[in-house]
Amino acid sequence: MLNYLAAYGATALALLALDVVWLGFIAKSFYRDGIGHLMADTPNLVAGGVFYLLYPAGVLLFAVAPAAWSGGLTAPAHVPWPRAILAGALFGFFAYATYDLSNLATLRGWPLRLTLVDIAWGTALTATAAAAGRWVLGRMT
């Protein structure tokens, strides 16, 4: 159980750290230009906190753990990297596509370009977070 808690922590930390850099610095103006008219003056930290607690659990449950279960937990090399990264990428793709395509379908002024970039970001972000979780789980076994 401690192994999975450590993997969860690494997954959550990777997600949060990368998203802070992406949303706070790299793509800040991109999102503000695209959906600034929809953005709150200050973020809802409770809602954001709930996301950053729940989403890593989903990554662990649907990407990191199944890769470990399929490869066995006898040695770090037996926790398959490609399977965890691919499952993380797919989880991120479907989660971010659900959000962005729903917004594109229902919100006036939601940009297609933002949709495509955000889905790509979610895919890469989640794959990277799954890799971090897999790395820690592999080190712990």
N, C-alpha and C. Protein backbone atom coordinates (compact mmCIF):
# COMPACT_ATOMS: atom_id res chain seq x y z
N MET A 1 0.82 -1.19 0.00
CA MET A 1 0.00 0.00 0.00
C MET A 1 0.87 1.26 0.00
N LEU A 2 1.95 1.24 0.76
CA LEU A 2 2.86 2.38 0.79
C LEU A 2 3.44 2.64 -0.60
N ASN A 3 3.67 1.58 -1.36
CA ASN A 3 4.18 1.74 -2.73
C ASN A 3 3.24 2.58 -3.57
N TYR A 4 1.95 2.28 -3.46
CA TYR A 4 0.96 3.00 -4.26
C TYR A 4 0.75 4.43 -3.76
N LEU A 5 0.86 4.65 -2.47
CA LEU A 5 0.78 6.02 -1.94
C LEU A 5 1.95 6.86 -2.45
N ALA A 6 3.13 6.25 -2.48
CA ALA A 6 4.30 6.96 -3.01
C ALA A 6 4.13 7.25 -4.50
N ALA A 7 3.61 6.28 -5.25
CA ALA A 7 3.37 6.48 -6.68
C ALA A 7 2.31 7.56 -6.90
N TYR A 8 1.28 7.57 -6.06
CA TYR A 8 0.26 8.61 -6.13
C TYR A 8 0.90 9.98 -5.89
N GLY A 9 1.74 10.08 -4.87
CA GLY A 9 2.41 11.34 -4.57
C GLY A 9 3.25 11.83 -5.72
N ALA A 10 4.00 10.94 -6.34
CA ALA A 10 4.84 11.33 -7.49
C ALA A 10 3.98 11.76 -8.67
N THR A 11 2.89 11.05 -8.90
CA THR A 11 1.97 11.39 -9.99
C THR A 11 1.37 12.77 -9.75
N ALA A 12 0.89 12.99 -8.52
CA ALA A 12 0.27 14.28 -8.18
C ALA A 12 1.28 15.42 -8.27
N LEU A 13 2.47 15.20 -7.76
CA LEU A 13 3.49 16.24 -7.79
C LEU A 13 3.87 16.59 -9.23
N ALA A 14 4.03 15.57 -10.08
CA ALA A 14 4.36 15.83 -11.49
C ALA A 14 3.25 16.62 -12.17
N LEU A 15 2.01 16.22 -11.94
CA LEU A 15 0.88 16.93 -12.54
C LEU A 15 0.85 18.39 -12.11
N LEU A 16 0.94 18.59 -10.82
CA LEU A 16 0.84 19.95 -10.29
C LEU A 16 2.01 20.82 -10.76
N ALA A 17 3.21 20.30 -10.66
CA ALA A 17 4.39 21.08 -11.03
C ALA A 17 4.36 21.45 -12.52
N LEU A 18 4.06 20.49 -13.36
CA LEU A 18 4.03 20.77 -14.79
C LEU A 18 2.89 21.70 -15.16
N ASP A 19 1.74 21.53 -14.53
CA ASP A 19 0.61 22.41 -14.83
C ASP A 19 0.87 23.84 -14.35
N VAL A 20 1.55 23.99 -13.22
CA VAL A 20 1.89 25.34 -12.75
C VAL A 20 2.79 26.04 -13.77
N VAL A 21 3.77 25.33 -14.28
CA VAL A 21 4.66 25.92 -15.29
C VAL A 21 3.88 26.22 -16.57
N TRP A 22 3.08 25.26 -17.02
CA TRP A 22 2.32 25.42 -18.27
C TRP A 22 1.30 26.54 -18.16
N LEU A 23 0.43 26.46 -17.16
CA LEU A 23 -0.66 27.42 -17.03
C LEU A 23 -0.20 28.77 -16.49
N GLY A 24 0.83 28.74 -15.66
CA GLY A 24 1.26 29.98 -15.03
C GLY A 24 2.27 30.77 -15.83
N PHE A 25 2.99 30.11 -16.71
CA PHE A 25 4.07 30.80 -17.42
C PHE A 25 4.03 30.58 -18.94
N ILE A 26 4.13 29.33 -19.38
CA ILE A 26 4.28 29.06 -20.81
C ILE A 26 3.04 29.44 -21.61
N ALA A 27 1.87 28.97 -21.19
CA ALA A 27 0.65 29.16 -21.99
C ALA A 27 -0.35 30.13 -21.37
N LYS A 28 0.08 30.88 -20.39
CA LYS A 28 -0.84 31.78 -19.69
C LYS A 28 -1.55 32.73 -20.65
N SER A 29 -0.79 33.40 -21.50
CA SER A 29 -1.42 34.35 -22.43
C SER A 29 -2.24 33.64 -23.50
N PHE A 30 -1.84 32.42 -23.87
CA PHE A 30 -2.60 31.64 -24.85
C PHE A 30 -4.02 31.38 -24.34
N TYR A 31 -4.14 30.95 -23.08
CA TYR A 31 -5.46 30.69 -22.51
C TYR A 31 -6.22 32.00 -22.29
N ARG A 32 -5.54 33.03 -21.82
CA ARG A 32 -6.20 34.32 -21.58
C ARG A 32 -6.72 34.90 -22.90
N ASP A 33 -5.93 34.79 -23.97
CA ASP A 33 -6.38 35.30 -25.26
C ASP A 33 -7.56 34.49 -25.79
N GLY A 34 -7.54 33.18 -25.57
CA GLY A 34 -8.59 32.32 -26.11
C GLY A 34 -9.88 32.31 -25.32
N ILE A 35 -9.77 32.28 -23.98
CA ILE A 35 -10.97 32.16 -23.15
C ILE A 35 -10.97 33.13 -21.98
N GLY A 36 -10.21 34.21 -22.11
CA GLY A 36 -10.15 35.19 -21.04
C GLY A 36 -11.51 35.73 -20.64
N HIS A 37 -12.42 35.83 -21.61
CA HIS A 37 -13.77 36.33 -21.33
C HIS A 37 -14.56 35.36 -20.44
N LEU A 38 -14.09 34.13 -20.32
CA LEU A 38 -14.77 33.13 -19.48
C LEU A 38 -14.06 32.91 -18.15
N MET A 39 -12.84 33.41 -18.02
CA MET A 39 -12.02 33.11 -16.84
C MET A 39 -12.41 33.99 -15.65
N ALA A 40 -12.37 33.38 -14.48
CA ALA A 40 -12.61 34.12 -13.24
C ALA A 40 -11.40 35.00 -12.94
N ASP A 41 -11.64 36.06 -12.19
CA ASP A 41 -10.54 36.94 -11.80
C ASP A 41 -9.52 36.19 -10.94
N THR A 42 -10.01 35.35 -10.06
CA THR A 42 -9.14 34.50 -9.24
C THR A 42 -9.65 33.07 -9.34
N PRO A 43 -8.74 32.11 -9.42
CA PRO A 43 -9.18 30.72 -9.55
C PRO A 43 -9.85 30.23 -8.28
N ASN A 44 -10.76 29.29 -8.45
CA ASN A 44 -11.41 28.62 -7.32
C ASN A 44 -10.44 27.56 -6.81
N LEU A 45 -9.73 27.87 -5.74
CA LEU A 45 -8.69 26.98 -5.23
C LEU A 45 -9.24 25.68 -4.67
N VAL A 46 -10.45 25.69 -4.15
CA VAL A 46 -11.05 24.45 -3.65
C VAL A 46 -11.31 23.50 -4.81
N ALA A 47 -11.93 24.00 -5.86
CA ALA A 47 -12.19 23.15 -7.03
C ALA A 47 -10.89 22.66 -7.65
N GLY A 48 -9.90 23.56 -7.74
CA GLY A 48 -8.60 23.16 -8.27
C GLY A 48 -7.94 22.11 -7.40
N GLY A 49 -8.01 22.29 -6.09
CA GLY A 49 -7.44 21.32 -5.17
C GLY A 49 -8.09 19.95 -5.29
N VAL A 50 -9.42 19.95 -5.43
CA VAL A 50 -10.13 18.67 -5.62
C VAL A 50 -9.66 17.99 -6.90
N PHE A 51 -9.51 18.78 -7.98
CA PHE A 51 -9.00 18.20 -9.23
C PHE A 51 -7.63 17.56 -9.03
N TYR A 52 -6.72 18.30 -8.38
CA TYR A 52 -5.35 17.79 -8.21
C TYR A 52 -5.25 16.67 -7.18
N LEU A 53 -6.31 16.39 -6.46
CA LEU A 53 -6.37 15.20 -5.61
C LEU A 53 -6.98 14.02 -6.36
N LEU A 54 -8.02 14.28 -7.16
CA LEU A 54 -8.73 13.20 -7.86
C LEU A 54 -8.03 12.72 -9.12
N TYR A 55 -7.57 13.65 -9.94
CA TYR A 55 -7.01 13.26 -11.24
C TYR A 55 -5.80 12.33 -11.10
N PRO A 56 -4.87 12.58 -10.18
CA PRO A 56 -3.76 11.64 -10.01
C PRO A 56 -4.23 10.26 -9.57
N ALA A 57 -5.32 10.20 -8.81
CA ALA A 57 -5.87 8.89 -8.43
C ALA A 57 -6.34 8.14 -9.67
N GLY A 58 -6.96 8.87 -10.60
CA GLY A 58 -7.38 8.25 -11.87
C GLY A 58 -6.20 7.77 -12.68
N VAL A 59 -5.15 8.57 -12.73
CA VAL A 59 -3.94 8.17 -13.47
C VAL A 59 -3.33 6.92 -12.84
N LEU A 60 -3.28 6.90 -11.53
CA LEU A 60 -2.73 5.73 -10.83
C LEU A 60 -3.60 4.50 -11.08
N LEU A 61 -4.90 4.67 -10.97
CA LEU A 61 -5.83 3.55 -11.11
C LEU A 61 -5.90 3.01 -12.53
N PHE A 62 -5.89 3.90 -13.52
CA PHE A 62 -6.10 3.46 -14.90
C PHE A 62 -4.83 3.35 -15.74
N ALA A 63 -3.70 3.83 -15.25
CA ALA A 63 -2.47 3.76 -16.05
C ALA A 63 -1.33 3.09 -15.30
N VAL A 64 -0.99 3.59 -14.15
CA VAL A 64 0.20 3.09 -13.44
C VAL A 64 -0.04 1.70 -12.85
N ALA A 65 -1.09 1.54 -12.09
CA ALA A 65 -1.35 0.25 -11.44
C ALA A 65 -1.59 -0.88 -12.43
N PRO A 66 -2.42 -0.70 -13.47
CA PRO A 66 -2.59 -1.81 -14.42
C PRO A 66 -1.29 -2.23 -15.10
N ALA A 67 -0.42 -1.27 -15.37
CA ALA A 67 0.88 -1.62 -15.95
C ALA A 67 1.68 -2.46 -14.97
N ALA A 68 1.60 -2.11 -13.71
CA ALA A 68 2.32 -2.88 -12.68
C ALA A 68 1.72 -4.27 -12.53
N TRP A 69 0.40 -4.34 -12.51
CA TRP A 69 -0.26 -5.64 -12.36
C TRP A 69 0.05 -6.56 -13.52
N SER A 70 0.14 -6.00 -14.73
CA SER A 70 0.39 -6.85 -15.89
C SER A 70 1.84 -7.32 -15.96
N GLY A 71 2.74 -6.55 -15.35
CA GLY A 71 4.15 -6.91 -15.42
C GLY A 71 4.66 -7.57 -14.16
N GLY A 72 3.85 -7.61 -13.14
CA GLY A 72 4.31 -8.16 -11.87
C GLY A 72 5.09 -7.12 -11.10
N LEU A 73 5.19 -7.30 -9.82
CA LEU A 73 5.88 -6.32 -8.98
C LEU A 73 7.13 -6.92 -8.36
N THR A 74 7.77 -7.85 -9.06
CA THR A 74 8.93 -8.50 -8.48
C THR A 74 10.20 -7.67 -8.59
N ALA A 75 10.28 -6.82 -9.58
CA ALA A 75 11.47 -5.98 -9.77
C ALA A 75 11.07 -4.75 -10.56
N PRO A 76 11.79 -3.64 -10.39
CA PRO A 76 11.45 -2.42 -11.11
C PRO A 76 11.37 -2.61 -12.62
N ALA A 77 12.21 -3.42 -13.18
CA ALA A 77 12.20 -3.62 -14.62
C ALA A 77 10.93 -4.33 -15.09
N HIS A 78 10.20 -4.94 -14.17
CA HIS A 78 9.00 -5.67 -14.55
C HIS A 78 7.75 -4.81 -14.55
N VAL A 79 7.87 -3.56 -14.18
CA VAL A 79 6.75 -2.63 -14.28
C VAL A 79 6.90 -1.92 -15.62
N PRO A 80 6.14 -2.34 -16.63
CA PRO A 80 6.39 -1.87 -18.00
C PRO A 80 6.20 -0.37 -18.19
N TRP A 81 7.27 0.30 -18.60
CA TRP A 81 7.22 1.73 -18.89
C TRP A 81 6.26 2.04 -20.04
N PRO A 82 6.42 1.38 -21.18
CA PRO A 82 5.57 1.76 -22.32
C PRO A 82 4.08 1.62 -22.02
N ARG A 83 3.70 0.60 -21.30
CA ARG A 83 2.29 0.40 -21.00
C ARG A 83 1.77 1.50 -20.09
N ALA A 84 2.52 1.87 -19.08
CA ALA A 84 2.09 2.94 -18.16
C ALA A 84 2.01 4.28 -18.90
N ILE A 85 2.99 4.58 -19.72
CA ILE A 85 3.01 5.85 -20.45
C ILE A 85 1.88 5.91 -21.48
N LEU A 86 1.68 4.82 -22.21
CA LEU A 86 0.60 4.80 -23.20
C LEU A 86 -0.76 4.91 -22.52
N ALA A 87 -0.96 4.17 -21.44
CA ALA A 87 -2.24 4.25 -20.73
C ALA A 87 -2.44 5.65 -20.15
N GLY A 88 -1.38 6.26 -19.64
CA GLY A 88 -1.48 7.63 -19.15
C GLY A 88 -1.83 8.59 -20.26
N ALA A 89 -1.19 8.45 -21.41
CA ALA A 89 -1.48 9.32 -22.55
C ALA A 89 -2.93 9.17 -22.99
N LEU A 90 -3.41 7.94 -23.05
CA LEU A 90 -4.80 7.71 -23.46
C LEU A 90 -5.78 8.25 -22.43
N PHE A 91 -5.48 8.05 -21.14
CA PHE A 91 -6.34 8.59 -20.09
C PHE A 91 -6.41 10.11 -20.20
N GLY A 92 -5.26 10.74 -20.39
CA GLY A 92 -5.21 12.19 -20.54
C GLY A 92 -5.94 12.66 -21.79
N PHE A 93 -5.73 11.95 -22.88
CA PHE A 93 -6.40 12.31 -24.13
C PHE A 93 -7.91 12.29 -23.96
N PHE A 94 -8.44 11.19 -23.43
CA PHE A 94 -9.89 11.08 -23.30
C PHE A 94 -10.46 12.05 -22.26
N ALA A 95 -9.75 12.27 -21.16
CA ALA A 95 -10.24 13.20 -20.14
C ALA A 95 -10.25 14.63 -20.68
N TYR A 96 -9.16 15.06 -21.28
CA TYR A 96 -9.08 16.42 -21.79
C TYR A 96 -9.97 16.60 -23.03
N ALA A 97 -10.10 15.58 -23.85
CA ALA A 97 -10.99 15.67 -25.01
C ALA A 97 -12.44 15.80 -24.56
N THR A 98 -12.81 15.07 -23.52
CA THR A 98 -14.17 15.19 -23.00
C THR A 98 -14.45 16.63 -22.57
N TYR A 99 -13.54 17.19 -21.81
CA TYR A 99 -13.71 18.56 -21.33
C TYR A 99 -13.72 19.56 -22.48
N ASP A 100 -12.70 19.53 -23.31
CA ASP A 100 -12.55 20.54 -24.35
C ASP A 100 -13.60 20.42 -25.45
N LEU A 101 -13.91 19.21 -25.87
CA LEU A 101 -14.91 19.04 -26.93
C LEU A 101 -16.31 19.36 -26.43
N SER A 102 -16.58 19.07 -25.16
CA SER A 102 -17.87 19.47 -24.57
C SER A 102 -17.99 20.99 -24.55
N ASN A 103 -16.89 21.67 -24.17
CA ASN A 103 -16.90 23.13 -24.18
C ASN A 103 -17.06 23.68 -25.59
N LEU A 104 -16.36 23.08 -26.54
CA LEU A 104 -16.45 23.52 -27.93
C LEU A 104 -17.88 23.34 -28.44
N ALA A 105 -18.54 22.28 -28.01
CA ALA A 105 -19.90 22.00 -28.46
C ALA A 105 -20.95 22.90 -27.81
N THR A 106 -20.68 23.38 -26.61
CA THR A 106 -21.74 24.05 -25.85
C THR A 106 -21.49 25.51 -25.51
N LEU A 107 -20.27 25.98 -25.58
CA LEU A 107 -19.96 27.35 -25.17
C LEU A 107 -19.68 28.23 -26.38
N ARG A 108 -20.34 29.36 -26.41
CA ARG A 108 -20.10 30.33 -27.47
C ARG A 108 -18.71 30.93 -27.26
N GLY A 109 -17.92 30.96 -28.31
CA GLY A 109 -16.60 31.59 -28.24
C GLY A 109 -15.48 30.67 -27.74
N TRP A 110 -15.75 29.37 -27.62
CA TRP A 110 -14.68 28.45 -27.22
C TRP A 110 -13.85 28.13 -28.47
N PRO A 111 -12.56 28.47 -28.49
CA PRO A 111 -11.77 28.33 -29.72
C PRO A 111 -11.33 26.89 -30.03
N LEU A 112 -11.42 26.54 -31.29
CA LEU A 112 -10.96 25.22 -31.74
C LEU A 112 -9.47 25.06 -31.48
N ARG A 113 -8.71 26.10 -31.74
CA ARG A 113 -7.25 26.03 -31.53
C ARG A 113 -6.92 25.70 -30.08
N LEU A 114 -7.61 26.33 -29.16
CA LEU A 114 -7.39 26.06 -27.74
C LEU A 114 -7.76 24.60 -27.42
N THR A 115 -8.84 24.13 -28.00
CA THR A 115 -9.26 22.75 -27.80
C THR A 115 -8.15 21.78 -28.20
N LEU A 116 -7.59 21.98 -29.37
CA LEU A 116 -6.56 21.07 -29.88
C LEU A 116 -5.29 21.14 -29.04
N VAL A 117 -4.87 22.34 -28.68
CA VAL A 117 -3.66 22.50 -27.85
C VAL A 117 -3.88 21.90 -26.47
N ASP A 118 -5.04 22.15 -25.87
CA ASP A 118 -5.31 21.65 -24.53
C ASP A 118 -5.39 20.12 -24.50
N ILE A 119 -5.98 19.52 -25.52
CA ILE A 119 -6.02 18.05 -25.59
C ILE A 119 -4.59 17.51 -25.73
N ALA A 120 -3.78 18.13 -26.56
CA ALA A 120 -2.39 17.69 -26.69
C ALA A 120 -1.65 17.85 -25.37
N TRP A 121 -1.88 18.97 -24.68
CA TRP A 121 -1.23 19.18 -23.39
C TRP A 121 -1.68 18.12 -22.39
N GLY A 122 -2.96 17.87 -22.30
CA GLY A 122 -3.47 16.87 -21.35
C GLY A 122 -2.92 15.49 -21.63
N THR A 123 -2.75 15.17 -22.89
CA THR A 123 -2.17 13.88 -23.27
C THR A 123 -0.72 13.77 -22.81
N ALA A 124 0.07 14.80 -23.12
CA ALA A 124 1.49 14.79 -22.74
C ALA A 124 1.66 14.89 -21.22
N LEU A 125 0.89 15.74 -20.58
CA LEU A 125 0.97 15.92 -19.13
C LEU A 125 0.66 14.61 -18.40
N THR A 126 -0.40 13.96 -18.80
CA THR A 126 -0.82 12.74 -18.11
C THR A 126 0.14 11.60 -18.39
N ALA A 127 0.68 11.51 -19.59
CA ALA A 127 1.68 10.49 -19.89
C ALA A 127 2.92 10.70 -19.01
N THR A 128 3.33 11.95 -18.85
CA THR A 128 4.50 12.26 -18.03
C THR A 128 4.23 11.95 -16.56
N ALA A 129 3.06 12.30 -16.08
CA ALA A 129 2.70 12.01 -14.69
C ALA A 129 2.63 10.50 -14.46
N ALA A 130 2.12 9.75 -15.42
CA ALA A 130 2.09 8.29 -15.30
C ALA A 130 3.51 7.74 -15.26
N ALA A 131 4.39 8.32 -16.05
CA ALA A 131 5.80 7.90 -16.01
C ALA A 131 6.41 8.16 -14.64
N ALA A 132 6.09 9.30 -14.04
CA ALA A 132 6.61 9.60 -12.70
C ALA A 132 6.08 8.61 -11.68
N GLY A 133 4.79 8.31 -11.75
CA GLY A 133 4.20 7.33 -10.85
C GLY A 133 4.79 5.95 -11.05
N ARG A 134 4.99 5.58 -12.30
CA ARG A 134 5.59 4.27 -12.61
C ARG A 134 7.02 4.20 -12.10
N TRP A 135 7.76 5.29 -12.25
CA TRP A 135 9.15 5.32 -11.81
C TRP A 135 9.22 5.08 -10.30
N VAL A 136 8.40 5.79 -9.55
CA VAL A 136 8.41 5.63 -8.09
C VAL A 136 7.93 4.23 -7.70
N LEU A 137 6.89 3.74 -8.34
CA LEU A 137 6.40 2.40 -8.03
C LEU A 137 7.47 1.36 -8.33
N GLY A 138 8.17 1.54 -9.44
CA GLY A 138 9.25 0.62 -9.78
C GLY A 138 10.40 0.67 -8.79
N ARG A 139 10.70 1.85 -8.27
CA ARG A 139 11.78 2.00 -7.29
C ARG A 139 11.39 1.39 -5.95
N MET A 140 10.10 1.36 -5.65
CA MET A 140 9.62 0.88 -4.35
C MET A 140 9.47 -0.64 -4.30
N THR A 141 9.37 -1.27 -5.47
CA THR A 141 9.11 -2.72 -5.47
C THR A 141 10.40 -3.52 -5.44
